[in-house]
Amino acid sequence: MPEHDSVNHPMWYCKGGIEVLDFILAWDLGFLAGNIVKYVVRAPYKGNALQDLQKARFYLDKLITQQTPKGD
């Protein structure tokens, strides 16, 4: 049985047959959206779901600010 690789293939990023990184790259999500997906997906598995969801919200707020037209 292969040893768990928490650096290259963490178990909390390898659910459902696709790694989160592969999904982020395939959809060309970029830094902010990629981090949102990363934190939401791993939230139930890494040990502190609330903290991961708060991190996702931080990046979502940044993305919303970035996408909001100036003057709105």
PDB file of N, CA and C in Angstrom:
ATOM      1  N   MET A   1       0.853  -1.179   0.000  1.00  0.00           N
ATOM      2  CA  MET A   1       0.000   0.000   0.000  1.00  0.00           C
ATOM      3  C   MET A   1       0.899   1.243   0.000  1.00  0.00           C
ATOM      4  N   PRO A   2       0.656   2.206  -0.915  1.00  0.00           N
ATOM      5  CA  PRO A   2       1.506   3.394  -0.958  1.00  0.00           C
ATOM      6  C   PRO A   2       1.316   4.259   0.281  1.00  0.00           C
ATOM      7  N   GLU A   3       2.409   4.867   0.696  1.00  0.00           N
ATOM      8  CA  GLU A   3       2.372   5.754   1.851  1.00  0.00           C
ATOM      9  C   GLU A   3       1.641   7.045   1.477  1.00  0.00           C
ATOM     10  N   HIS A   4       0.911   7.596   2.433  1.00  0.00           N
ATOM     11  CA  HIS A   4       0.195   8.857   2.206  1.00  0.00           C
ATOM     12  C   HIS A   4       1.197   9.972   1.914  1.00  0.00           C
ATOM     13  N   ASP A   5       0.954  10.752   0.861  1.00  0.00           N
ATOM     14  CA  ASP A   5       1.846  11.836   0.448  1.00  0.00           C
ATOM     15  C   ASP A   5       1.142  13.163   0.711  1.00  0.00           C
ATOM     16  N   SER A   6       1.389  13.754   1.876  1.00  0.00           N
ATOM     17  CA  SER A   6       0.695  14.984   2.262  1.00  0.00           C
ATOM     18  C   SER A   6       1.239  16.222   1.563  1.00  0.00           C
ATOM     19  N   VAL A   7       2.316  16.089   0.794  1.00  0.00           N
ATOM     20  CA  VAL A   7       2.869  17.226   0.050  1.00  0.00           C
ATOM     21  C   VAL A   7       2.365  17.227  -1.391  1.00  0.00           C
ATOM     22  N   ASN A   8       2.531  16.129  -2.092  1.00  0.00           N
ATOM     23  CA  ASN A   8       2.206  16.080  -3.514  1.00  0.00           C
ATOM     24  C   ASN A   8       0.780  15.650  -3.824  1.00  0.00           C
ATOM     25  N   HIS A   9       0.192  14.842  -2.968  1.00  0.00           N
ATOM     26  CA  HIS A   9      -1.165  14.349  -3.203  1.00  0.00           C
ATOM     27  C   HIS A   9      -1.919  14.212  -1.883  1.00  0.00           C
ATOM     28  N   PRO A  10      -2.184  15.339  -1.200  1.00  0.00           N
ATOM     29  CA  PRO A  10      -2.893  15.248   0.080  1.00  0.00           C
ATOM     30  C   PRO A  10      -4.265  14.605  -0.091  1.00  0.00           C
ATOM     31  N   MET A  11      -4.640  13.768   0.862  1.00  0.00           N
ATOM     32  CA  MET A  11      -5.907  13.037   0.745  1.00  0.00           C
ATOM     33  C   MET A  11      -7.106  13.977   0.692  1.00  0.00           C
ATOM     34  N   TRP A  12      -6.998  15.165   1.311  1.00  0.00           N
ATOM     35  CA  TRP A  12      -8.129  16.088   1.303  1.00  0.00           C
ATOM     36  C   TRP A  12      -8.281  16.799  -0.034  1.00  0.00           C
ATOM     37  N   TYR A  13      -7.372  16.602  -0.976  1.00  0.00           N
ATOM     38  CA  TYR A  13      -7.495  17.155  -2.323  1.00  0.00           C
ATOM     39  C   TYR A  13      -7.745  16.081  -3.374  1.00  0.00           C
ATOM     40  N   CYS A  14      -7.905  14.837  -2.958  1.00  0.00           N
ATOM     41  CA  CYS A  14      -7.992  13.721  -3.911  1.00  0.00           C
ATOM     42  C   CYS A  14      -9.289  12.944  -3.738  1.00  0.00           C
ATOM     43  N   LYS A  15     -10.397  13.605  -3.806  1.00  0.00           N
ATOM     44  CA  LYS A  15     -11.688  12.930  -3.660  1.00  0.00           C
ATOM     45  C   LYS A  15     -12.375  12.855  -5.028  1.00  0.00           C
ATOM     46  N   GLY A  16     -13.132  11.818  -5.255  1.00  0.00           N
ATOM     47  CA  GLY A  16     -13.953  11.724  -6.450  1.00  0.00           C
ATOM     48  C   GLY A  16     -13.213  11.486  -7.750  1.00  0.00           C
ATOM     49  N   GLY A  17     -11.979  11.025  -7.683  1.00  0.00           N
ATOM     50  CA  GLY A  17     -11.271  10.660  -8.889  1.00  0.00           C
ATOM     51  C   GLY A  17     -10.519  11.781  -9.580  1.00  0.00           C
ATOM     52  N   ILE A  18     -10.565  12.994  -9.060  1.00  0.00           N
ATOM     53  CA  ILE A  18      -9.809  14.095  -9.641  1.00  0.00           C
ATOM     54  C   ILE A  18      -9.232  14.941  -8.519  1.00  0.00           C
ATOM     55  N   GLU A  19      -7.986  15.314  -8.680  1.00  0.00           N
ATOM     56  CA  GLU A  19      -7.391  16.207  -7.690  1.00  0.00           C
ATOM     57  C   GLU A  19      -7.894  17.625  -7.928  1.00  0.00           C
ATOM     58  N   VAL A  20      -8.050  18.360  -6.859  1.00  0.00           N
ATOM     59  CA  VAL A  20      -8.539  19.731  -6.947  1.00  0.00           C
ATOM     60  C   VAL A  20      -7.636  20.567  -7.860  1.00  0.00           C
ATOM     61  N   LEU A  21      -6.330  20.389  -7.763  1.00  0.00           N
ATOM     62  CA  LEU A  21      -5.417  21.143  -8.615  1.00  0.00           C
ATOM     63  C   LEU A  21      -5.700  20.892 -10.091  1.00  0.00           C
ATOM     64  N   ASP A  22      -5.955  19.641 -10.462  1.00  0.00           N
ATOM     65  CA  ASP A  22      -6.258  19.325 -11.858  1.00  0.00           C
ATOM     66  C   ASP A  22      -7.546  20.021 -12.309  1.00  0.00           C
ATOM     67  N   PHE A  23      -8.540  20.066 -11.440  1.00  0.00           N
ATOM     68  CA  PHE A  23      -9.799  20.760 -11.748  1.00  0.00           C
ATOM     69  C   PHE A  23      -9.555  22.257 -11.940  1.00  0.00           C
ATOM     70  N   ILE A  24      -8.809  22.858 -11.023  1.00  0.00           N
ATOM     71  CA  ILE A  24      -8.511  24.289 -11.093  1.00  0.00           C
ATOM     72  C   ILE A  24      -7.778  24.611 -12.390  1.00  0.00           C
ATOM     73  N   LEU A  25      -6.787  23.805 -12.750  1.00  0.00           N
ATOM     74  CA  LEU A  25      -6.035  24.040 -13.980  1.00  0.00           C
ATOM     75  C   LEU A  25      -6.893  23.800 -15.220  1.00  0.00           C
ATOM     76  N   ALA A  26      -7.698  22.754 -15.215  1.00  0.00           N
ATOM     77  CA  ALA A  26      -8.547  22.442 -16.369  1.00  0.00           C
ATOM     78  C   ALA A  26      -9.546  23.559 -16.645  1.00  0.00           C
ATOM     79  N   TRP A  27     -10.049  24.171 -15.593  1.00  0.00           N
ATOM     80  CA  TRP A  27     -11.032  25.249 -15.746  1.00  0.00           C
ATOM     81  C   TRP A  27     -10.367  26.621 -15.804  1.00  0.00           C
ATOM     82  N   ASP A  28      -9.029  26.667 -15.727  1.00  0.00           N
ATOM     83  CA  ASP A  28      -8.267  27.918 -15.813  1.00  0.00           C
ATOM     84  C   ASP A  28      -8.842  28.968 -14.856  1.00  0.00           C
ATOM     85  N   LEU A  29      -8.990  28.568 -13.595  1.00  0.00           N
ATOM     86  CA  LEU A  29      -9.685  29.418 -12.629  1.00  0.00           C
ATOM     87  C   LEU A  29      -8.870  30.605 -12.129  1.00  0.00           C
ATOM     88  N   GLY A  30      -7.579  30.538 -12.202  1.00  0.00           N
ATOM     89  CA  GLY A  30      -6.777  31.633 -11.677  1.00  0.00           C
ATOM     90  C   GLY A  30      -6.613  31.529 -10.172  1.00  0.00           C
ATOM     91  N   PHE A  31      -5.829  32.454  -9.624  1.00  0.00           N
ATOM     92  CA  PHE A  31      -5.451  32.384  -8.215  1.00  0.00           C
ATOM     93  C   PHE A  31      -6.636  32.520  -7.262  1.00  0.00           C
ATOM     94  N   LEU A  32      -7.432  33.559  -7.410  1.00  0.00           N
ATOM     95  CA  LEU A  32      -8.511  33.807  -6.454  1.00  0.00           C
ATOM     96  C   LEU A  32      -9.579  32.717  -6.512  1.00  0.00           C
ATOM     97  N   ALA A  33     -10.107  32.443  -7.692  1.00  0.00           N
ATOM     98  CA  ALA A  33     -11.149  31.417  -7.823  1.00  0.00           C
ATOM     99  C   ALA A  33     -10.600  30.038  -7.465  1.00  0.00           C
ATOM    100  N   GLY A  34      -9.354  29.775  -7.822  1.00  0.00           N
ATOM    101  CA  GLY A  34      -8.746  28.492  -7.477  1.00  0.00           C
ATOM    102  C   GLY A  34      -8.663  28.287  -5.981  1.00  0.00           C
ATOM    103  N   ASN A  35      -8.305  29.336  -5.255  1.00  0.00           N
ATOM    104  CA  ASN A  35      -8.246  29.219  -3.798  1.00  0.00           C
ATOM    105  C   ASN A  35      -9.627  29.045  -3.187  1.00  0.00           C
ATOM    106  N   ILE A  36     -10.627  29.676  -3.756  1.00  0.00           N
ATOM    107  CA  ILE A  36     -12.003  29.487  -3.268  1.00  0.00           C
ATOM    108  C   ILE A  36     -12.376  28.012  -3.368  1.00  0.00           C
ATOM    109  N   VAL A  37     -12.163  27.440  -4.548  1.00  0.00           N
ATOM    110  CA  VAL A  37     -12.484  26.023  -4.758  1.00  0.00           C
ATOM    111  C   VAL A  37     -11.675  25.148  -3.805  1.00  0.00           C
ATOM    112  N   LYS A  38     -10.388  25.421  -3.706  1.00  0.00           N
ATOM    113  CA  LYS A  38      -9.500  24.618  -2.846  1.00  0.00           C
ATOM    114  C   LYS A  38     -10.007  24.597  -1.402  1.00  0.00           C
ATOM    115  N   TYR A  39     -10.311  25.761  -0.852  1.00  0.00           N
ATOM    116  CA  TYR A  39     -10.721  25.802   0.555  1.00  0.00           C
ATOM    117  C   TYR A  39     -12.108  25.206   0.780  1.00  0.00           C
ATOM    118  N   VAL A  40     -13.034  25.417  -0.142  1.00  0.00           N
ATOM    119  CA  VAL A  40     -14.369  24.843   0.019  1.00  0.00           C
ATOM    120  C   VAL A  40     -14.309  23.318  -0.063  1.00  0.00           C
ATOM    121  N   VAL A  41     -13.551  22.816  -1.019  1.00  0.00           N
ATOM    122  CA  VAL A  41     -13.482  21.369  -1.230  1.00  0.00           C
ATOM    123  C   VAL A  41     -12.829  20.656  -0.053  1.00  0.00           C
ATOM    124  N   ARG A  42     -11.793  21.243   0.523  1.00  0.00           N
ATOM    125  CA  ARG A  42     -11.089  20.550   1.600  1.00  0.00           C
ATOM    126  C   ARG A  42     -11.713  20.773   2.975  1.00  0.00           C
ATOM    127  N   ALA A  43     -12.620  21.729   3.093  1.00  0.00           N
ATOM    128  CA  ALA A  43     -13.179  22.109   4.398  1.00  0.00           C
ATOM    129  C   ALA A  43     -13.648  20.921   5.243  1.00  0.00           C
ATOM    130  N   PRO A  44     -14.404  19.988   4.691  1.00  0.00           N
ATOM    131  CA  PRO A  44     -14.894  18.900   5.548  1.00  0.00           C
ATOM    132  C   PRO A  44     -13.838  17.870   5.945  1.00  0.00           C
ATOM    133  N   TYR A  45     -12.644  17.924   5.331  1.00  0.00           N
ATOM    134  CA  TYR A  45     -11.675  16.847   5.495  1.00  0.00           C
ATOM    135  C   TYR A  45     -10.401  17.220   6.231  1.00  0.00           C
ATOM    136  N   LYS A  46     -10.077  18.478   6.348  1.00  0.00           N
ATOM    137  CA  LYS A  46      -8.762  18.863   6.848  1.00  0.00           C
ATOM    138  C   LYS A  46      -8.735  19.083   8.359  1.00  0.00           C
ATOM    139  N   GLY A  47      -9.885  19.269   9.004  1.00  0.00           N
ATOM    140  CA  GLY A  47      -9.881  19.360  10.453  1.00  0.00           C
ATOM    141  C   GLY A  47     -10.461  20.635  11.026  1.00  0.00           C
ATOM    142  N   ASN A  48     -10.550  21.691  10.220  1.00  0.00           N
ATOM    143  CA  ASN A  48     -11.139  22.937  10.715  1.00  0.00           C
ATOM    144  C   ASN A  48     -11.997  23.539   9.607  1.00  0.00           C
ATOM    145  N   ALA A  49     -13.191  22.989   9.429  1.00  0.00           N
ATOM    146  CA  ALA A  49     -14.066  23.375   8.325  1.00  0.00           C
ATOM    147  C   ALA A  49     -14.400  24.865   8.360  1.00  0.00           C
ATOM    148  N   LEU A  50     -14.706  25.390   9.527  1.00  0.00           N
ATOM    149  CA  LEU A  50     -15.076  26.800   9.610  1.00  0.00           C
ATOM    150  C   LEU A  50     -13.935  27.693   9.143  1.00  0.00           C
ATOM    151  N   GLN A  51     -12.729  27.393   9.560  1.00  0.00           N
ATOM    152  CA  GLN A  51     -11.583  28.199   9.146  1.00  0.00           C
ATOM    153  C   GLN A  51     -11.370  28.137   7.632  1.00  0.00           C
ATOM    154  N   ASP A  52     -11.503  26.960   7.044  1.00  0.00           N
ATOM    155  CA  ASP A  52     -11.350  26.846   5.597  1.00  0.00           C
ATOM    156  C   ASP A  52     -12.450  27.602   4.859  1.00  0.00           C
ATOM    157  N   LEU A  53     -13.673  27.568   5.368  1.00  0.00           N
ATOM    158  CA  LEU A  53     -14.755  28.325   4.740  1.00  0.00           C
ATOM    159  C   LEU A  53     -14.532  29.827   4.879  1.00  0.00           C
ATOM    160  N   GLN A  54     -13.979  30.255   6.000  1.00  0.00           N
ATOM    161  CA  GLN A  54     -13.643  31.670   6.166  1.00  0.00           C
ATOM    162  C   GLN A  54     -12.545  32.093   5.195  1.00  0.00           C
ATOM    163  N   LYS A  55     -11.581  31.223   4.968  1.00  0.00           N
ATOM    164  CA  LYS A  55     -10.531  31.512   3.990  1.00  0.00           C
ATOM    165  C   LYS A  55     -11.137  31.616   2.591  1.00  0.00           C
ATOM    166  N   ALA A  56     -12.052  30.705   2.259  1.00  0.00           N
ATOM    167  CA  ALA A  56     -12.725  30.765   0.960  1.00  0.00           C
ATOM    168  C   ALA A  56     -13.483  32.079   0.817  1.00  0.00           C
ATOM    169  N   ARG A  57     -14.148  32.508   1.875  1.00  0.00           N
ATOM    170  CA  ARG A  57     -14.884  33.778   1.842  1.00  0.00           C
ATOM    171  C   ARG A  57     -13.932  34.952   1.637  1.00  0.00           C
ATOM    172  N   PHE A  58     -12.761  34.917   2.261  1.00  0.00           N
ATOM    173  CA  PHE A  58     -11.755  35.969   2.081  1.00  0.00           C
ATOM    174  C   PHE A  58     -11.418  36.120   0.594  1.00  0.00           C
ATOM    175  N   TYR A  59     -11.137  34.986  -0.065  1.00  0.00           N
ATOM    176  CA  TYR A  59     -10.802  35.030  -1.486  1.00  0.00           C
ATOM    177  C   TYR A  59     -12.006  35.398  -2.345  1.00  0.00           C
ATOM    178  N   LEU A  60     -13.200  34.963  -1.956  1.00  0.00           N
ATOM    179  CA  LEU A  60     -14.403  35.332  -2.691  1.00  0.00           C
ATOM    180  C   LEU A  60     -14.650  36.836  -2.604  1.00  0.00           C
ATOM    181  N   ASP A  61     -14.465  37.411  -1.417  1.00  0.00           N
ATOM    182  CA  ASP A  61     -14.612  38.862  -1.268  1.00  0.00           C
ATOM    183  C   ASP A  61     -13.613  39.605  -2.151  1.00  0.00           C
ATOM    184  N   LYS A  62     -12.383  39.117  -2.234  1.00  0.00           N
ATOM    185  CA  LYS A  62     -11.372  39.727  -3.109  1.00  0.00           C
ATOM    186  C   LYS A  62     -11.798  39.629  -4.574  1.00  0.00           C
ATOM    187  N   LEU A  63     -12.326  38.475  -4.966  1.00  0.00           N
ATOM    188  CA  LEU A  63     -12.754  38.276  -6.346  1.00  0.00           C
ATOM    189  C   LEU A  63     -13.937  39.181  -6.683  1.00  0.00           C
ATOM    190  N   ILE A  64     -14.875  39.305  -5.771  1.00  0.00           N
ATOM    191  CA  ILE A  64     -16.018  40.194  -5.978  1.00  0.00           C
ATOM    192  C   ILE A  64     -15.552  41.634  -6.119  1.00  0.00           C
ATOM    193  N   THR A  65     -14.660  42.053  -5.258  1.00  0.00           N
ATOM    194  CA  THR A  65     -14.114  43.413  -5.347  1.00  0.00           C
ATOM    195  C   THR A  65     -13.426  43.633  -6.688  1.00  0.00           C
ATOM    196  N   GLN A  66     -12.670  42.651  -7.115  1.00  0.00           N
ATOM    197  CA  GLN A  66     -11.965  42.732  -8.392  1.00  0.00           C
ATOM    198  C   GLN A  66     -12.927  42.835  -9.576  1.00  0.00           C
ATOM    199  N   GLN A  67     -14.052  42.156  -9.474  1.00  0.00           N
ATOM    200  CA  GLN A  67     -15.012  42.117 -10.572  1.00  0.00           C
ATOM    201  C   GLN A  67     -16.017  43.257 -10.542  1.00  0.00           C
ATOM    202  N   THR A  68     -16.101  43.973  -9.452  1.00  0.00           N
ATOM    203  CA  THR A  68     -17.054  45.065  -9.318  1.00  0.00           C
ATOM    204  C   THR A  68     -16.556  46.279 -10.114  1.00  0.00           C
ATOM    205  N   PRO A  69     -17.384  46.769 -11.053  1.00  0.00           N
ATOM    206  CA  PRO A  69     -16.966  47.939 -11.804  1.00  0.00           C
ATOM    207  C   PRO A  69     -16.732  49.135 -10.884  1.00  0.00           C
ATOM    208  N   LYS A  70     -15.747  49.925 -11.226  1.00  0.00           N
ATOM    209  CA  LYS A  70     -15.452  51.128 -10.426  1.00  0.00           C
ATOM    210  C   LYS A  70     -16.652  52.054 -10.445  1.00  0.00           C
ATOM    211  N   GLY A  71     -16.934  52.682  -9.325  1.00  0.00           N
ATOM    212  CA  GLY A  71     -18.057  53.603  -9.226  1.00  0.00           C
ATOM    213  C   GLY A  71     -19.348  52.962  -8.781  1.00  0.00           C
ATOM    214  N   ASP A  72     -19.389  51.622  -8.620  1.00  0.00           N
ATOM    215  CA  ASP A  72     -20.605  50.944  -8.146  1.00  0.00           C
ATOM    216  C   ASP A  72     -20.619  50.816  -6.658  1.00  0.00           C
TER     217      ASP A  72
END
